[in-house]
Amino acid sequence: MTEQTEQIERTEHGWPSGDPRRFFDAPIDREHLRASSPNVYRRVLWLSIGVCVGGLLIGLGVWSIAEGMDSAAPSWWAMVLGVVAVLVGVGVFLRGLLAGNATKPFRGGQLVPGMVVEQADSTVQLLVLADISRDPAAPPEFAYRLVTFEAREGTRFVPGRPVPCVTHGFIAPPWSRRWWSLEASPVAWATADEHVLEAAGKAIPPAEWDQLLAGAERVAEIRRRPSRLGRISYEDLHESLRRPSTRLGVPVEWQPDGRARFVGSVAHSTSRTTPRM
């Protein structure tokens, strides 16, 4: 058993959301990842789309602008259309270049509880629970997220089975205090090491696993939402998750106005533990 997993397995109650000790950085088995993750060809696909579609739109845009300017009577609509095509093309091109490969989600993503809710042929749906708050001084805001993917041949997901996951791909405008969407990938895609998988599950507090189970009755409702995300009200949230003793791994005291006051440091909160996973 490695030192990376020993530390996590010593915890009895897991770590609160945002705690540095919950961020996954165990070794990634690349051979296993290629065989199990459906995202293994994601970068190649997005790079191809970015270069082909983005390049085509940029070319058409430049041609449209040139045609609009060269005509005896300048065609403003052609120039406007060309500018739009160029901007969209550049966006698609950059999206392709910036696409991450299959290992990217497992480089520092936070561990969250997940559960298989359905497998129809190769299509699998996971329900995950994550803290979507972006304000470290505010209480956690938990939400359910329904993640869908196509299982690779030879992989099997049993409905009801708990699946520790790593969150990534958070989306929200700069002014929002919470994330609008996120993605999650099972830790089992990154490694087949049973000790690492067990440690990942133990790093998540039992209260979050219980909260995830309570969300099973909301799957049909969340499935109808375009974002596939359903926020959890304060009243429906497990009591121990409402006001955690730490935020971002730092001890806090909760004030009457509902805000957290930091009373320690990350070094103080981790001084009694070995280095994180």
C-alpha atoms as a PDB file:
ATOM      1  CA  MET A   1       0.000   0.000   0.000  1.00  0.00           C
ATOM      2  CA  THR A   2       1.445   3.397  -0.934  1.00  0.00           C
ATOM      3  CA  GLU A   3       1.904   6.374   1.389  1.00  0.00           C
ATOM      4  CA  GLN A   4      -0.564   8.281  -0.838  1.00  0.00           C
ATOM      5  CA  THR A   5      -3.429   6.003   0.098  1.00  0.00           C
ATOM      6  CA  GLU A   6      -2.407   5.347   3.713  1.00  0.00           C
ATOM      7  CA  GLN A   7      -3.166   8.940   4.712  1.00  0.00           C
ATOM      8  CA  ILE A   8      -6.681   8.902   3.299  1.00  0.00           C
ATOM      9  CA  GLU A   9      -7.537   5.522   4.735  1.00  0.00           C
ATOM     10  CA  ARG A  10      -6.733   6.806   8.225  1.00  0.00           C
ATOM     11  CA  THR A  11      -9.563   9.307   8.110  1.00  0.00           C
ATOM     12  CA  GLU A  12     -12.780   8.090   9.735  1.00  0.00           C
ATOM     13  CA  HIS A  13     -15.148  10.807   8.595  1.00  0.00           C
ATOM     14  CA  GLY A  14     -13.668  12.051   5.322  1.00  0.00           C
ATOM     15  CA  TRP A  15     -12.833  15.664   4.505  1.00  0.00           C
ATOM     16  CA  PRO A  16     -15.285  18.563   3.943  1.00  0.00           C
ATOM     17  CA  SER A  17     -15.825  19.855   0.424  1.00  0.00           C
ATOM     18  CA  GLY A  18     -12.988  22.029  -0.824  1.00  0.00           C
ATOM     19  CA  ASP A  19     -10.452  20.553   1.583  1.00  0.00           C
ATOM     20  CA  PRO A  20      -7.029  20.166  -0.112  1.00  0.00           C
ATOM     21  CA  ARG A  21      -6.854  16.564   1.085  1.00  0.00           C
ATOM     22  CA  ARG A  22      -9.819  15.677  -1.132  1.00  0.00           C
ATOM     23  CA  PHE A  23      -8.117  16.594  -4.382  1.00  0.00           C
ATOM     24  CA  PHE A  24      -7.120  13.539  -6.393  1.00  0.00           C
ATOM     25  CA  ASP A  25      -3.462  13.243  -7.364  1.00  0.00           C
ATOM     26  CA  ALA A  26      -2.754   9.523  -7.155  1.00  0.00           C
ATOM     27  CA  PRO A  27      -0.720   7.987 -10.007  1.00  0.00           C
ATOM     28  CA  ILE A  28      -2.677   7.493 -13.225  1.00  0.00           C
ATOM     29  CA  ASP A  29      -2.459   4.117 -14.941  1.00  0.00           C
ATOM     30  CA  ARG A  30      -2.359   5.254 -18.570  1.00  0.00           C
ATOM     31  CA  GLU A  31      -2.836   1.770 -20.022  1.00  0.00           C
ATOM     32  CA  HIS A  32      -5.908   1.227 -17.849  1.00  0.00           C
ATOM     33  CA  LEU A  33      -7.190   4.708 -18.721  1.00  0.00           C
ATOM     34  CA  ARG A  34      -6.955   4.015 -22.451  1.00  0.00           C
ATOM     35  CA  ALA A  35      -8.887   0.783 -21.990  1.00  0.00           C
ATOM     36  CA  SER A  36     -11.642   2.112 -19.731  1.00  0.00           C
ATOM     37  CA  SER A  37     -12.264   5.831 -20.316  1.00  0.00           C
ATOM     38  CA  PRO A  38     -14.674   6.877 -23.094  1.00  0.00           C
ATOM     39  CA  ASN A  39     -12.889  10.249 -23.159  1.00  0.00           C
ATOM     40  CA  VAL A  40      -9.601   8.795 -24.361  1.00  0.00           C
ATOM     41  CA  TYR A  41     -10.129  10.123 -27.920  1.00  0.00           C
ATOM     42  CA  ARG A  42     -11.683  13.402 -26.819  1.00  0.00           C
ATOM     43  CA  ARG A  43      -8.648  15.591 -27.533  1.00  0.00           C
ATOM     44  CA  VAL A  44      -8.137  14.090 -30.979  1.00  0.00           C
ATOM     45  CA  LEU A  45     -11.820  14.645 -31.816  1.00  0.00           C
ATOM     46  CA  TRP A  46     -11.903  18.268 -30.626  1.00  0.00           C
ATOM     47  CA  LEU A  47      -8.555  19.045 -32.258  1.00  0.00           C
ATOM     48  CA  SER A  48      -9.836  17.685 -35.560  1.00  0.00           C
ATOM     49  CA  ILE A  49     -13.069  19.671 -35.286  1.00  0.00           C
ATOM     50  CA  GLY A  50     -11.177  22.815 -34.310  1.00  0.00           C
ATOM     51  CA  VAL A  51      -8.718  22.630 -37.178  1.00  0.00           C
ATOM     52  CA  CYS A  52     -11.197  21.552 -39.862  1.00  0.00           C
ATOM     53  CA  VAL A  53     -14.366  23.441 -38.934  1.00  0.00           C
ATOM     54  CA  GLY A  54     -12.586  26.427 -37.409  1.00  0.00           C
ATOM     55  CA  GLY A  55     -10.202  26.742 -40.344  1.00  0.00           C
ATOM     56  CA  LEU A  56     -13.076  26.481 -42.829  1.00  0.00           C
ATOM     57  CA  LEU A  57     -15.099  29.187 -41.072  1.00  0.00           C
ATOM     58  CA  ILE A  58     -12.079  31.491 -40.897  1.00  0.00           C
ATOM     59  CA  GLY A  59     -11.407  30.972 -44.614  1.00  0.00           C
ATOM     60  CA  LEU A  60     -15.035  31.621 -45.554  1.00  0.00           C
ATOM     61  CA  GLY A  61     -15.115  34.671 -43.335  1.00  0.00           C
ATOM     62  CA  VAL A  62     -12.010  36.197 -44.897  1.00  0.00           C
ATOM     63  CA  TRP A  63     -13.367  35.473 -48.382  1.00  0.00           C
ATOM     64  CA  SER A  64     -16.734  37.050 -47.505  1.00  0.00           C
ATOM     65  CA  ILE A  65     -15.052  40.174 -46.128  1.00  0.00           C
ATOM     66  CA  ALA A  66     -12.856  40.457 -49.207  1.00  0.00           C
ATOM     67  CA  GLU A  67     -15.812  40.036 -51.553  1.00  0.00           C
ATOM     68  CA  GLY A  68     -17.797  42.655 -49.679  1.00  0.00           C
ATOM     69  CA  MET A  69     -14.977  45.178 -49.910  1.00  0.00           C
ATOM     70  CA  ASP A  70     -13.973  44.493 -53.536  1.00  0.00           C
ATOM     71  CA  SER A  71     -17.388  44.962 -55.114  1.00  0.00           C
ATOM     72  CA  ALA A  72     -18.228  48.263 -56.803  1.00  0.00           C
ATOM     73  CA  ALA A  73     -20.907  48.826 -54.166  1.00  0.00           C
ATOM     74  CA  PRO A  74     -19.563  47.602 -50.831  1.00  0.00           C
ATOM     75  CA  SER A  75     -21.713  44.824 -49.413  1.00  0.00           C
ATOM     76  CA  TRP A  76     -22.031  45.482 -45.715  1.00  0.00           C
ATOM     77  CA  TRP A  77     -24.003  42.335 -45.032  1.00  0.00           C
ATOM     78  CA  ALA A  78     -21.221  40.237 -46.617  1.00  0.00           C
ATOM     79  CA  MET A  79     -18.588  41.957 -44.472  1.00  0.00           C
ATOM     80  CA  VAL A  80     -20.637  41.552 -41.286  1.00  0.00           C
ATOM     81  CA  LEU A  81     -21.267  37.901 -42.109  1.00  0.00           C
ATOM     82  CA  GLY A  82     -17.546  37.460 -42.754  1.00  0.00           C
ATOM     83  CA  VAL A  83     -16.581  39.009 -39.430  1.00  0.00           C
ATOM     84  CA  VAL A  84     -19.041  36.754 -37.591  1.00  0.00           C
ATOM     85  CA  ALA A  85     -17.689  33.694 -39.408  1.00  0.00           C
ATOM     86  CA  VAL A  86     -14.107  34.622 -38.541  1.00  0.00           C
ATOM     87  CA  LEU A  87     -14.927  35.147 -34.852  1.00  0.00           C
ATOM     88  CA  VAL A  88     -16.816  31.853 -34.620  1.00  0.00           C
ATOM     89  CA  GLY A  89     -14.049  30.094 -36.522  1.00  0.00           C
ATOM     90  CA  VAL A  90     -11.373  31.420 -34.185  1.00  0.00           C
ATOM     91  CA  GLY A  91     -13.444  30.299 -31.188  1.00  0.00           C
ATOM     92  CA  VAL A  92     -13.873  26.777 -32.562  1.00  0.00           C
ATOM     93  CA  PHE A  93     -10.186  26.622 -33.505  1.00  0.00           C
ATOM     94  CA  LEU A  94      -9.058  27.660 -30.017  1.00  0.00           C
ATOM     95  CA  ARG A  95     -11.544  25.248 -28.430  1.00  0.00           C
ATOM     96  CA  GLY A  96      -9.887  22.447 -30.357  1.00  0.00           C
ATOM     97  CA  LEU A  97      -6.366  23.491 -29.396  1.00  0.00           C
ATOM     98  CA  LEU A  98      -7.250  23.850 -25.711  1.00  0.00           C
ATOM     99  CA  ALA A  99      -9.112  20.539 -25.402  1.00  0.00           C
ATOM    100  CA  GLY A 100      -7.662  18.361 -22.664  1.00  0.00           C
ATOM    101  CA  ASN A 101      -6.860  14.679 -23.022  1.00  0.00           C
ATOM    102  CA  ALA A 102      -8.292  11.862 -20.923  1.00  0.00           C
ATOM    103  CA  THR A 103      -5.813  12.402 -18.070  1.00  0.00           C
ATOM    104  CA  LYS A 104      -6.714  16.073 -17.520  1.00  0.00           C
ATOM    105  CA  PRO A 105      -9.801  15.471 -15.270  1.00  0.00           C
ATOM    106  CA  PHE A 106      -7.663  13.472 -12.849  1.00  0.00           C
ATOM    107  CA  ARG A 107      -4.990  16.121 -12.363  1.00  0.00           C
ATOM    108  CA  GLY A 108      -6.111  17.773  -9.166  1.00  0.00           C
ATOM    109  CA  GLY A 109      -9.888  17.409  -9.413  1.00  0.00           C
ATOM    110  CA  GLN A 110     -11.898  17.076  -6.198  1.00  0.00           C
ATOM    111  CA  LEU A 111     -13.296  13.721  -5.143  1.00  0.00           C
ATOM    112  CA  VAL A 112     -17.097  13.567  -4.954  1.00  0.00           C
ATOM    113  CA  PRO A 113     -19.628  10.779  -4.400  1.00  0.00           C
ATOM    114  CA  GLY A 114     -21.257   9.225  -7.442  1.00  0.00           C
ATOM    115  CA  MET A 115     -23.799   6.475  -8.004  1.00  0.00           C
ATOM    116  CA  VAL A 116     -24.846   4.517 -11.080  1.00  0.00           C
ATOM    117  CA  VAL A 117     -28.544   5.147 -11.721  1.00  0.00           C
ATOM    118  CA  GLU A 118     -28.979   3.554 -15.135  1.00  0.00           C
ATOM    119  CA  GLN A 119     -27.250   1.560 -17.840  1.00  0.00           C
ATOM    120  CA  ALA A 120     -29.111   1.038 -21.104  1.00  0.00           C
ATOM    121  CA  ASP A 121     -26.953  -0.879 -23.589  1.00  0.00           C
ATOM    122  CA  SER A 122     -23.682   1.080 -23.514  1.00  0.00           C
ATOM    123  CA  THR A 123     -25.206   4.339 -22.213  1.00  0.00           C
ATOM    124  CA  VAL A 124     -24.513   4.918 -18.521  1.00  0.00           C
ATOM    125  CA  GLN A 125     -25.896   7.614 -16.241  1.00  0.00           C
ATOM    126  CA  LEU A 126     -24.201   8.603 -12.997  1.00  0.00           C
ATOM    127  CA  LEU A 127     -25.683  10.828 -10.318  1.00  0.00           C
ATOM    128  CA  VAL A 128     -23.003  12.838  -8.518  1.00  0.00           C
ATOM    129  CA  LEU A 129     -23.107  15.282  -5.619  1.00  0.00           C
ATOM    130  CA  ALA A 130     -20.866  18.363  -5.640  1.00  0.00           C
ATOM    131  CA  ASP A 131     -20.417  21.704  -3.914  1.00  0.00           C
ATOM    132  CA  ILE A 132     -21.117  24.399  -6.538  1.00  0.00           C
ATOM    133  CA  SER A 133     -20.367  27.435  -4.352  1.00  0.00           C
ATOM    134  CA  ARG A 134     -17.568  29.725  -5.577  1.00  0.00           C
ATOM    135  CA  ASP A 135     -17.536  31.917  -2.473  1.00  0.00           C
ATOM    136  CA  PRO A 136     -15.169  30.464   0.172  1.00  0.00           C
ATOM    137  CA  ALA A 137     -16.768  32.533   2.944  1.00  0.00           C
ATOM    138  CA  ALA A 138     -20.273  31.299   2.121  1.00  0.00           C
ATOM    139  CA  PRO A 139     -21.832  28.003   3.220  1.00  0.00           C
ATOM    140  CA  PRO A 140     -21.502  25.125   0.753  1.00  0.00           C
ATOM    141  CA  GLU A 141     -24.172  24.919  -1.949  1.00  0.00           C
ATOM    142  CA  PHE A 142     -24.616  21.328  -2.983  1.00  0.00           C
ATOM    143  CA  ALA A 143     -26.242  20.125  -6.177  1.00  0.00           C
ATOM    144  CA  TYR A 144     -26.890  16.863  -7.978  1.00  0.00           C
ATOM    145  CA  ARG A 145     -25.462  16.452 -11.466  1.00  0.00           C
ATOM    146  CA  LEU A 146     -26.526  13.707 -13.865  1.00  0.00           C
ATOM    147  CA  VAL A 147     -23.576  12.636 -16.019  1.00  0.00           C
ATOM    148  CA  THR A 148     -24.075  10.534 -19.159  1.00  0.00           C
ATOM    149  CA  PHE A 149     -21.394   8.673 -21.118  1.00  0.00           C
ATOM    150  CA  GLU A 150     -20.922   5.681 -23.407  1.00  0.00           C
ATOM    151  CA  ALA A 151     -19.193   2.833 -21.564  1.00  0.00           C
ATOM    152  CA  ARG A 152     -16.210   1.243 -23.243  1.00  0.00           C
ATOM    153  CA  GLU A 153     -16.475  -2.379 -24.307  1.00  0.00           C
ATOM    154  CA  GLY A 154     -15.621  -4.667 -21.416  1.00  0.00           C
ATOM    155  CA  THR A 155     -16.581  -2.182 -18.690  1.00  0.00           C
ATOM    156  CA  ARG A 156     -19.692  -2.715 -16.571  1.00  0.00           C
ATOM    157  CA  PHE A 157     -21.639  -0.366 -14.319  1.00  0.00           C
ATOM    158  CA  VAL A 158     -24.190  -1.839 -11.923  1.00  0.00           C
ATOM    159  CA  PRO A 159     -27.162   0.428 -11.023  1.00  0.00           C
ATOM    160  CA  GLY A 160     -27.028   1.461  -7.373  1.00  0.00           C
ATOM    161  CA  ARG A 161     -23.295   0.959  -7.134  1.00  0.00           C
ATOM    162  CA  PRO A 162     -21.339   3.784  -5.405  1.00  0.00           C
ATOM    163  CA  VAL A 163     -18.675   5.297  -7.655  1.00  0.00           C
ATOM    164  CA  PRO A 164     -16.132   7.833  -6.329  1.00  0.00           C
ATOM    165  CA  CYS A 165     -15.666  10.484  -9.012  1.00  0.00           C
ATOM    166  CA  VAL A 166     -13.436  13.448  -9.800  1.00  0.00           C
ATOM    167  CA  THR A 167     -15.075  16.749 -10.793  1.00  0.00           C
ATOM    168  CA  HIS A 168     -13.831  18.926 -13.646  1.00  0.00           C
ATOM    169  CA  GLY A 169     -15.091  21.150 -16.462  1.00  0.00           C
ATOM    170  CA  PHE A 170     -16.789  23.740 -14.224  1.00  0.00           C
ATOM    171  CA  ILE A 171     -18.736  26.403 -16.141  1.00  0.00           C
ATOM    172  CA  ALA A 172     -20.088  29.763 -14.924  1.00  0.00           C
ATOM    173  CA  PRO A 173     -19.861  33.436 -15.881  1.00  0.00           C
ATOM    174  CA  PRO A 174     -17.323  35.491 -13.882  1.00  0.00           C
ATOM    175  CA  TRP A 175     -20.011  37.260 -11.843  1.00  0.00           C
ATOM    176  CA  SER A 176     -21.801  34.128 -10.649  1.00  0.00           C
ATOM    177  CA  ARG A 177     -21.297  32.997  -7.057  1.00  0.00           C
ATOM    178  CA  ARG A 178     -21.998  29.394  -7.988  1.00  0.00           C
ATOM    179  CA  TRP A 179     -21.086  27.028 -10.814  1.00  0.00           C
ATOM    180  CA  TRP A 180     -23.765  26.515 -13.437  1.00  0.00           C
ATOM    181  CA  SER A 181     -22.505  23.178 -14.682  1.00  0.00           C
ATOM    182  CA  LEU A 182     -19.744  20.639 -14.138  1.00  0.00           C
ATOM    183  CA  GLU A 183     -18.544  17.248 -15.315  1.00  0.00           C
ATOM    184  CA  ALA A 184     -17.400  14.198 -13.368  1.00  0.00           C
ATOM    185  CA  SER A 185     -15.321  11.131 -14.218  1.00  0.00           C
ATOM    186  CA  PRO A 186     -15.113   7.895 -12.185  1.00  0.00           C
ATOM    187  CA  VAL A 187     -11.813   7.332 -10.393  1.00  0.00           C
ATOM    188  CA  ALA A 188     -12.010   3.756 -11.672  1.00  0.00           C
ATOM    189  CA  TRP A 189     -11.106   5.063 -15.145  1.00  0.00           C
ATOM    190  CA  ALA A 190      -7.740   6.327 -13.897  1.00  0.00           C
ATOM    191  CA  THR A 191      -6.629   3.284 -11.937  1.00  0.00           C
ATOM    192  CA  ALA A 192      -7.551  -0.296 -11.121  1.00  0.00           C
ATOM    193  CA  ASP A 193      -5.693  -0.180  -7.776  1.00  0.00           C
ATOM    194  CA  GLU A 194      -8.226  -1.276  -5.160  1.00  0.00           C
ATOM    195  CA  HIS A 195      -6.391   0.596  -2.401  1.00  0.00           C
ATOM    196  CA  VAL A 196      -6.635   3.877  -4.320  1.00  0.00           C
ATOM    197  CA  LEU A 197     -10.318   3.305  -5.092  1.00  0.00           C
ATOM    198  CA  GLU A 198     -11.087   2.474  -1.455  1.00  0.00           C
ATOM    199  CA  ALA A 199      -9.122   5.513  -0.261  1.00  0.00           C
ATOM    200  CA  ALA A 200     -11.013   7.765  -2.670  1.00  0.00           C
ATOM    201  CA  GLY A 201     -14.328   6.582  -1.249  1.00  0.00           C
ATOM    202  CA  LYS A 202     -13.170   7.105   2.344  1.00  0.00           C
ATOM    203  CA  ALA A 203     -12.007  10.658   1.622  1.00  0.00           C
ATOM    204  CA  ILE A 204     -15.665  11.605   1.063  1.00  0.00           C
ATOM    205  CA  PRO A 205     -17.726  12.137   4.269  1.00  0.00           C
ATOM    206  CA  PRO A 206     -20.489   9.572   4.918  1.00  0.00           C
ATOM    207  CA  ALA A 207     -22.986  12.457   5.073  1.00  0.00           C
ATOM    208  CA  GLU A 208     -22.338  13.206   1.394  1.00  0.00           C
ATOM    209  CA  TRP A 209     -22.896   9.567   0.447  1.00  0.00           C
ATOM    210  CA  ASP A 210     -26.188   9.656   2.387  1.00  0.00           C
ATOM    211  CA  GLN A 211     -27.171  12.895   0.654  1.00  0.00           C
ATOM    212  CA  LEU A 212     -26.434  11.307  -2.710  1.00  0.00           C
ATOM    213  CA  LEU A 213     -28.734   8.379  -1.921  1.00  0.00           C
ATOM    214  CA  ALA A 214     -31.482  10.837  -1.030  1.00  0.00           C
ATOM    215  CA  GLY A 215     -31.149  12.334  -4.502  1.00  0.00           C
ATOM    216  CA  ALA A 216     -32.130   9.103  -6.249  1.00  0.00           C
ATOM    217  CA  GLU A 217     -35.798  10.137  -6.114  1.00  0.00           C
ATOM    218  CA  ARG A 218     -34.941  13.325  -8.058  1.00  0.00           C
ATOM    219  CA  VAL A 219     -33.295  11.608 -11.028  1.00  0.00           C
ATOM    220  CA  ALA A 220     -36.362  11.889 -13.295  1.00  0.00           C
ATOM    221  CA  GLU A 221     -36.706  15.598 -12.485  1.00  0.00           C
ATOM    222  CA  ILE A 222     -32.998  16.318 -13.085  1.00  0.00           C
ATOM    223  CA  ARG A 223     -33.050  14.355 -16.332  1.00  0.00           C
ATOM    224  CA  ARG A 224     -35.625  16.811 -17.721  1.00  0.00           C
ATOM    225  CA  ARG A 225     -33.435  19.826 -16.981  1.00  0.00           C
ATOM    226  CA  PRO A 226     -31.242  21.106 -19.872  1.00  0.00           C
ATOM    227  CA  SER A 227     -28.296  21.489 -17.472  1.00  0.00           C
ATOM    228  CA  ARG A 228     -28.879  18.076 -15.856  1.00  0.00           C
ATOM    229  CA  LEU A 229     -28.151  19.831 -12.551  1.00  0.00           C
ATOM    230  CA  GLY A 230     -30.466  20.133  -9.552  1.00  0.00           C
ATOM    231  CA  ARG A 231     -29.640  22.356  -6.580  1.00  0.00           C
ATOM    232  CA  ILE A 232     -30.372  21.168  -3.046  1.00  0.00           C
ATOM    233  CA  SER A 233     -32.213  23.516  -0.703  1.00  0.00           C
ATOM    234  CA  TYR A 234     -30.784  24.324   2.712  1.00  0.00           C
ATOM    235  CA  GLU A 235     -33.664  22.496   4.412  1.00  0.00           C
ATOM    236  CA  ASP A 236     -33.042  19.289   2.424  1.00  0.00           C
ATOM    237  CA  LEU A 237     -29.311  19.303   3.038  1.00  0.00           C
ATOM    238  CA  HIS A 238     -27.797  16.959   5.616  1.00  0.00           C
ATOM    239  CA  GLU A 239     -27.236  18.947   8.823  1.00  0.00           C
ATOM    240  CA  SER A 240     -23.502  18.230   8.987  1.00  0.00           C
ATOM    241  CA  LEU A 241     -23.032  19.655   5.486  1.00  0.00           C
ATOM    242  CA  ARG A 242     -24.656  23.027   6.177  1.00  0.00           C
ATOM    243  CA  ARG A 243     -21.933  24.609   8.323  1.00  0.00           C
ATOM    244  CA  PRO A 244     -18.680  22.608   8.019  1.00  0.00           C
ATOM    245  CA  SER A 245     -15.839  23.263  10.447  1.00  0.00           C
ATOM    246  CA  THR A 246     -13.496  24.182   7.599  1.00  0.00           C
ATOM    247  CA  ARG A 247     -13.703  25.923   4.237  1.00  0.00           C
ATOM    248  CA  LEU A 248     -10.982  25.200   1.676  1.00  0.00           C
ATOM    249  CA  GLY A 249      -9.241  23.255   4.431  1.00  0.00           C
ATOM    250  CA  VAL A 250      -9.038  26.264   6.764  1.00  0.00           C
ATOM    251  CA  PRO A 251     -10.829  26.246  10.168  1.00  0.00           C
ATOM    252  CA  VAL A 252     -13.720  28.715  10.275  1.00  0.00           C
ATOM    253  CA  GLU A 253     -16.278  30.138  12.674  1.00  0.00           C
ATOM    254  CA  TRP A 254     -19.760  30.802  11.335  1.00  0.00           C
ATOM    255  CA  GLN A 255     -21.070  34.302  12.008  1.00  0.00           C
ATOM    256  CA  PRO A 256     -24.722  35.318  12.688  1.00  0.00           C
ATOM    257  CA  ASP A 257     -24.942  36.711   9.133  1.00  0.00           C
ATOM    258  CA  GLY A 258     -24.216  33.247   7.752  1.00  0.00           C
ATOM    259  CA  ARG A 259     -20.700  34.090   6.590  1.00  0.00           C
ATOM    260  CA  ALA A 260     -17.574  32.210   7.611  1.00  0.00           C
ATOM    261  CA  ARG A 261     -14.687  33.843   9.469  1.00  0.00           C
ATOM    262  CA  PHE A 262     -11.360  32.118   8.909  1.00  0.00           C
ATOM    263  CA  VAL A 263      -9.655  31.426  12.228  1.00  0.00           C
ATOM    264  CA  GLY A 264      -6.755  29.231  11.160  1.00  0.00           C
ATOM    265  CA  SER A 265      -4.697  28.220   8.178  1.00  0.00           C
ATOM    266  CA  VAL A 266      -4.273  25.239   5.884  1.00  0.00           C
ATOM    267  CA  ALA A 267      -1.042  24.390   7.721  1.00  0.00           C
ATOM    268  CA  HIS A 268      -2.942  24.419  11.033  1.00  0.00           C
ATOM    269  CA  SER A 269      -5.710  22.152   9.756  1.00  0.00           C
ATOM    270  CA  THR A 270      -3.331  19.600   8.209  1.00  0.00           C
ATOM    271  CA  SER A 271      -0.565  19.615  10.804  1.00  0.00           C
ATOM    272  CA  ARG A 272      -1.770  16.393  12.377  1.00  0.00           C
ATOM    273  CA  THR A 273      -1.899  14.448   9.118  1.00  0.00           C
ATOM    274  CA  THR A 274       0.605  13.100   6.641  1.00  0.00           C
ATOM    275  CA  PRO A 275       0.818  14.639   3.138  1.00  0.00           C
ATOM    276  CA  ARG A 276      -2.398  14.424   1.134  1.00  0.00           C
ATOM    277  CA  MET A 277      -3.195  11.878  -1.541  1.00  0.00           C
END
